Amino acid sequence: MTTATTALALRPVLTSQGNGADVMIPMAIPLVGGVTFELLTMFITTVLYSAYQEFRLKRGRAGV
């Protein structure tokens, strides 16, 4: 949740054109990239883990 709100909060910084935008935009671009990668990692990791556990259950190798 914190990561998602950070990504949304950086959107105005990326689209700003006022005073200081020439400094803030280059600093915000890596942050947005990192936050986006973090969100993707959180979702992909859980989906792959769940798929792996379901595969193990179907094969009959249930256990921890």
Protein backbone atom coordinates (compact mmCIF):
# COMPACT_ATOMS: atom_id res chain seq x y z
CA MET A 1 0.00 0.00 0.00
CA THR A 2 2.82 2.38 0.83
CA THR A 3 4.55 1.61 -2.45
CA ALA A 4 1.39 2.26 -4.44
CA THR A 5 0.77 5.60 -2.73
CA THR A 6 4.37 6.62 -3.36
CA ALA A 7 3.97 5.87 -7.05
CA LEU A 8 0.79 7.94 -7.16
CA ALA A 9 2.39 10.78 -5.20
CA LEU A 10 5.27 11.03 -7.67
CA ARG A 11 2.96 11.50 -10.66
CA PRO A 12 2.55 15.27 -10.15
CA VAL A 13 6.31 15.63 -9.81
CA LEU A 14 6.85 13.96 -13.19
CA THR A 15 4.29 16.17 -14.93
CA SER A 16 5.27 19.47 -13.32
CA GLN A 17 6.63 22.33 -15.39
CA GLY A 18 7.07 25.07 -12.80
CA ASN A 19 10.06 26.29 -10.83
CA GLY A 20 12.44 23.49 -9.90
CA ALA A 21 10.97 20.99 -12.34
CA ASP A 22 14.30 20.74 -14.15
CA VAL A 23 15.80 19.32 -10.94
CA MET A 24 12.86 17.33 -9.58
CA ILE A 25 11.93 15.38 -12.72
CA PRO A 26 15.35 13.70 -13.17
CA MET A 27 15.27 12.72 -9.49
CA ALA A 28 11.73 11.33 -9.72
CA ILE A 29 12.29 9.14 -12.79
CA PRO A 30 14.47 6.52 -11.02
CA LEU A 31 12.12 6.55 -8.05
CA VAL A 32 9.11 5.79 -10.23
CA GLY A 33 11.04 3.03 -11.99
CA GLY A 34 12.07 1.47 -8.69
CA VAL A 35 8.60 1.68 -7.22
CA THR A 36 7.09 0.16 -10.36
CA PHE A 37 9.61 -2.68 -10.26
CA GLU A 38 8.79 -3.23 -6.58
CA LEU A 39 5.06 -3.50 -7.32
CA LEU A 40 5.66 -5.95 -10.15
CA THR A 41 7.98 -8.02 -7.98
CA MET A 42 5.41 -8.24 -5.19
CA PHE A 43 2.71 -9.52 -7.53
CA ILE A 44 4.86 -11.82 -9.66
CA THR A 45 6.52 -13.47 -6.66
CA THR A 46 3.22 -14.32 -4.99
CA VAL A 47 1.66 -15.63 -8.21
CA LEU A 48 4.65 -17.83 -9.04
CA TYR A 49 4.82 -19.18 -5.50
CA SER A 50 1.11 -20.01 -5.51
CA ALA A 51 1.40 -21.72 -8.89
CA TYR A 52 4.34 -23.77 -7.62
CA GLN A 53 2.44 -24.86 -4.51
CA GLU A 54 -0.59 -25.85 -6.57
CA PHE A 55 1.66 -27.87 -8.87
CA ARG A 56 3.14 -29.67 -5.87
CA LEU A 57 -0.32 -30.43 -4.48
CA LYS A 58 -1.49 -31.86 -7.81
CA ARG A 59 1.58 -34.06 -8.06
CA GLY A 60 0.86 -35.49 -4.59
CA ARG A 61 3.93 -34.09 -2.91
CA ALA A 62 2.09 -32.04 -0.34
CA GLY A 63 4.19 -30.94 2.55
CA VAL A 64 6.19 -28.07 3.78
